Amino acid sequence: MINSVTNAPQTQPAARATTENSTTESQESSKSKPQPSNAKTKDTVNISNASLAALKEATETAAQTANEARGGDHQAQRLLAKQAALKAS
């Protein structure tokens, strides 16, 4: 089914505030700003186990990968095979 698309009506720009209004608004906005607290906040980050494993795999050395491949790690074996294929071409 085809629906027709219409343009939204154009709105007029807002009128400029007088100096009296802008002074009042700036005084109110400065009052409403939250003051920084002296208490220290501590942010915590939770990283999933899958992300930790991916980070470990990405940061391991070539020697570690070779050791894991010799130990039967299929992911390390595939990585070494891929690297060997890239060197051959």
C-alpha atoms as a PDB file:
ATOM      1  CA  MET A   1       0.000   0.000   0.000  1.00  0.00           C
ATOM      2  CA  ILE A   2       1.306   3.452  -0.863  1.00  0.00           C
ATOM      3  CA  ASN A   3       0.919   6.286   1.628  1.00  0.00           C
ATOM      4  CA  SER A   4       1.229   9.895   0.615  1.00  0.00           C
ATOM      5  CA  VAL A   5       3.905  11.972   2.292  1.00  0.00           C
ATOM      6  CA  THR A   6       3.184  15.543   3.254  1.00  0.00           C
ATOM      7  CA  ASN A   7       5.559  18.196   4.467  1.00  0.00           C
ATOM      8  CA  ALA A   8       5.237  19.492   7.983  1.00  0.00           C
ATOM      9  CA  PRO A   9       4.124  23.134   8.207  1.00  0.00           C
ATOM     10  CA  GLN A  10       6.912  25.677   8.545  1.00  0.00           C
ATOM     11  CA  THR A  11       7.240  27.361  11.922  1.00  0.00           C
ATOM     12  CA  GLN A  12       8.141  30.973  12.523  1.00  0.00           C
ATOM     13  CA  PRO A  13      11.455  31.754  14.263  1.00  0.00           C
ATOM     14  CA  ALA A  14      11.184  32.589  17.951  1.00  0.00           C
ATOM     15  CA  ALA A  15      11.036  36.256  18.864  1.00  0.00           C
ATOM     16  CA  ARG A  16      14.119  37.748  20.474  1.00  0.00           C
ATOM     17  CA  ALA A  17      13.955  38.176  24.230  1.00  0.00           C
ATOM     18  CA  THR A  18      14.243  41.643  25.640  1.00  0.00           C
ATOM     19  CA  THR A  19      17.248  42.497  27.773  1.00  0.00           C
ATOM     20  CA  GLU A  20      15.066  42.367  30.872  1.00  0.00           C
ATOM     21  CA  ASN A  21      13.872  38.826  30.056  1.00  0.00           C
ATOM     22  CA  SER A  22      17.335  37.572  29.146  1.00  0.00           C
ATOM     23  CA  THR A  23      18.804  38.924  32.394  1.00  0.00           C
ATOM     24  CA  THR A  24      16.133  37.145  34.411  1.00  0.00           C
ATOM     25  CA  GLU A  25      16.650  33.937  32.458  1.00  0.00           C
ATOM     26  CA  SER A  26      20.423  33.993  32.937  1.00  0.00           C
ATOM     27  CA  GLN A  27      19.995  34.565  36.681  1.00  0.00           C
ATOM     28  CA  GLU A  28      17.552  31.661  36.913  1.00  0.00           C
ATOM     29  CA  SER A  29      19.776  29.340  34.886  1.00  0.00           C
ATOM     30  CA  SER A  30      22.791  30.088  37.066  1.00  0.00           C
ATOM     31  CA  LYS A  31      20.728  29.257  40.146  1.00  0.00           C
ATOM     32  CA  SER A  32      19.481  25.972  38.724  1.00  0.00           C
ATOM     33  CA  LYS A  33      22.919  24.601  37.815  1.00  0.00           C
ATOM     34  CA  PRO A  34      23.965  21.802  40.143  1.00  0.00           C
ATOM     35  CA  GLN A  35      26.994  22.615  42.219  1.00  0.00           C
ATOM     36  CA  PRO A  36      29.901  20.165  42.026  1.00  0.00           C
ATOM     37  CA  SER A  37      30.059  17.979  45.078  1.00  0.00           C
ATOM     38  CA  ASN A  38      33.227  17.357  47.000  1.00  0.00           C
ATOM     39  CA  ALA A  39      32.476  13.647  47.280  1.00  0.00           C
ATOM     40  CA  LYS A  40      34.512  11.504  44.924  1.00  0.00           C
ATOM     41  CA  THR A  41      32.532   9.228  42.649  1.00  0.00           C
ATOM     42  CA  LYS A  42      33.822   5.928  41.405  1.00  0.00           C
ATOM     43  CA  ASP A  43      32.785   4.483  38.065  1.00  0.00           C
ATOM     44  CA  THR A  44      32.855   0.745  37.588  1.00  0.00           C
ATOM     45  CA  VAL A  45      33.022  -1.200  34.361  1.00  0.00           C
ATOM     46  CA  ASN A  46      31.972  -4.805  33.942  1.00  0.00           C
ATOM     47  CA  ILE A  47      33.604  -6.745  31.101  1.00  0.00           C
ATOM     48  CA  SER A  48      32.091 -10.018  30.000  1.00  0.00           C
ATOM     49  CA  ASN A  49      34.074 -13.244  30.068  1.00  0.00           C
ATOM     50  CA  ALA A  50      33.898 -13.455  26.276  1.00  0.00           C
ATOM     51  CA  SER A  51      35.407  -9.989  25.966  1.00  0.00           C
ATOM     52  CA  LEU A  52      38.172 -10.882  28.395  1.00  0.00           C
ATOM     53  CA  ALA A  53      38.981 -14.023  26.400  1.00  0.00           C
ATOM     54  CA  ALA A  54      39.039 -12.067  23.138  1.00  0.00           C
ATOM     55  CA  LEU A  55      41.351  -9.484  24.684  1.00  0.00           C
ATOM     56  CA  LYS A  56      43.656 -12.224  25.932  1.00  0.00           C
ATOM     57  CA  GLU A  57      43.784 -13.817  22.488  1.00  0.00           C
ATOM     58  CA  ALA A  58      44.446 -10.477  20.790  1.00  0.00           C
ATOM     59  CA  THR A  59      47.310  -9.533  23.098  1.00  0.00           C
ATOM     60  CA  GLU A  60      49.178 -12.821  23.302  1.00  0.00           C
ATOM     61  CA  THR A  61      52.609 -13.152  21.749  1.00  0.00           C
ATOM     62  CA  ALA A  62      53.552 -15.363  18.816  1.00  0.00           C
ATOM     63  CA  ALA A  63      55.399 -17.687  21.215  1.00  0.00           C
ATOM     64  CA  GLN A  64      52.288 -18.111  23.350  1.00  0.00           C
ATOM     65  CA  THR A  65      50.211 -18.865  20.245  1.00  0.00           C
ATOM     66  CA  ALA A  66      52.747 -21.457  19.097  1.00  0.00           C
ATOM     67  CA  ASN A  67      52.751 -23.119  22.530  1.00  0.00           C
ATOM     68  CA  GLU A  68      48.959 -23.266  22.542  1.00  0.00           C
ATOM     69  CA  ALA A  69      48.909 -24.711  19.016  1.00  0.00           C
ATOM     70  CA  ARG A  70      51.353 -27.429  20.037  1.00  0.00           C
ATOM     71  CA  GLY A  71      49.133 -28.149  23.032  1.00  0.00           C
ATOM     72  CA  GLY A  72      46.119 -28.825  20.792  1.00  0.00           C
ATOM     73  CA  ASP A  73      44.383 -25.418  20.768  1.00  0.00           C
ATOM     74  CA  HIS A  74      42.442 -25.417  17.487  1.00  0.00           C
ATOM     75  CA  GLN A  75      42.045 -21.649  17.408  1.00  0.00           C
ATOM     76  CA  ALA A  76      45.802 -21.173  17.727  1.00  0.00           C
ATOM     77  CA  GLN A  77      46.397 -23.808  15.024  1.00  0.00           C
ATOM     78  CA  ARG A  78      44.049 -21.997  12.626  1.00  0.00           C
ATOM     79  CA  LEU A  79      45.775 -18.688  13.358  1.00  0.00           C
ATOM     80  CA  LEU A  80      49.210 -20.146  12.660  1.00  0.00           C
ATOM     81  CA  ALA A  81      47.938 -21.727   9.430  1.00  0.00           C
ATOM     82  CA  LYS A  82      46.452 -18.398   8.334  1.00  0.00           C
ATOM     83  CA  GLN A  83      49.722 -16.580   9.082  1.00  0.00           C
ATOM     84  CA  ALA A  84      51.706 -19.202   7.155  1.00  0.00           C
ATOM     85  CA  ALA A  85      49.390 -18.833   4.162  1.00  0.00           C
ATOM     86  CA  LEU A  86      49.849 -15.060   4.198  1.00  0.00           C
ATOM     87  CA  LYS A  87      53.645 -15.432   4.257  1.00  0.00           C
ATOM     88  CA  ALA A  88      53.526 -17.899   1.339  1.00  0.00           C
ATOM     89  CA  SER A  89      51.615 -15.508  -0.907  1.00  0.00           C
END
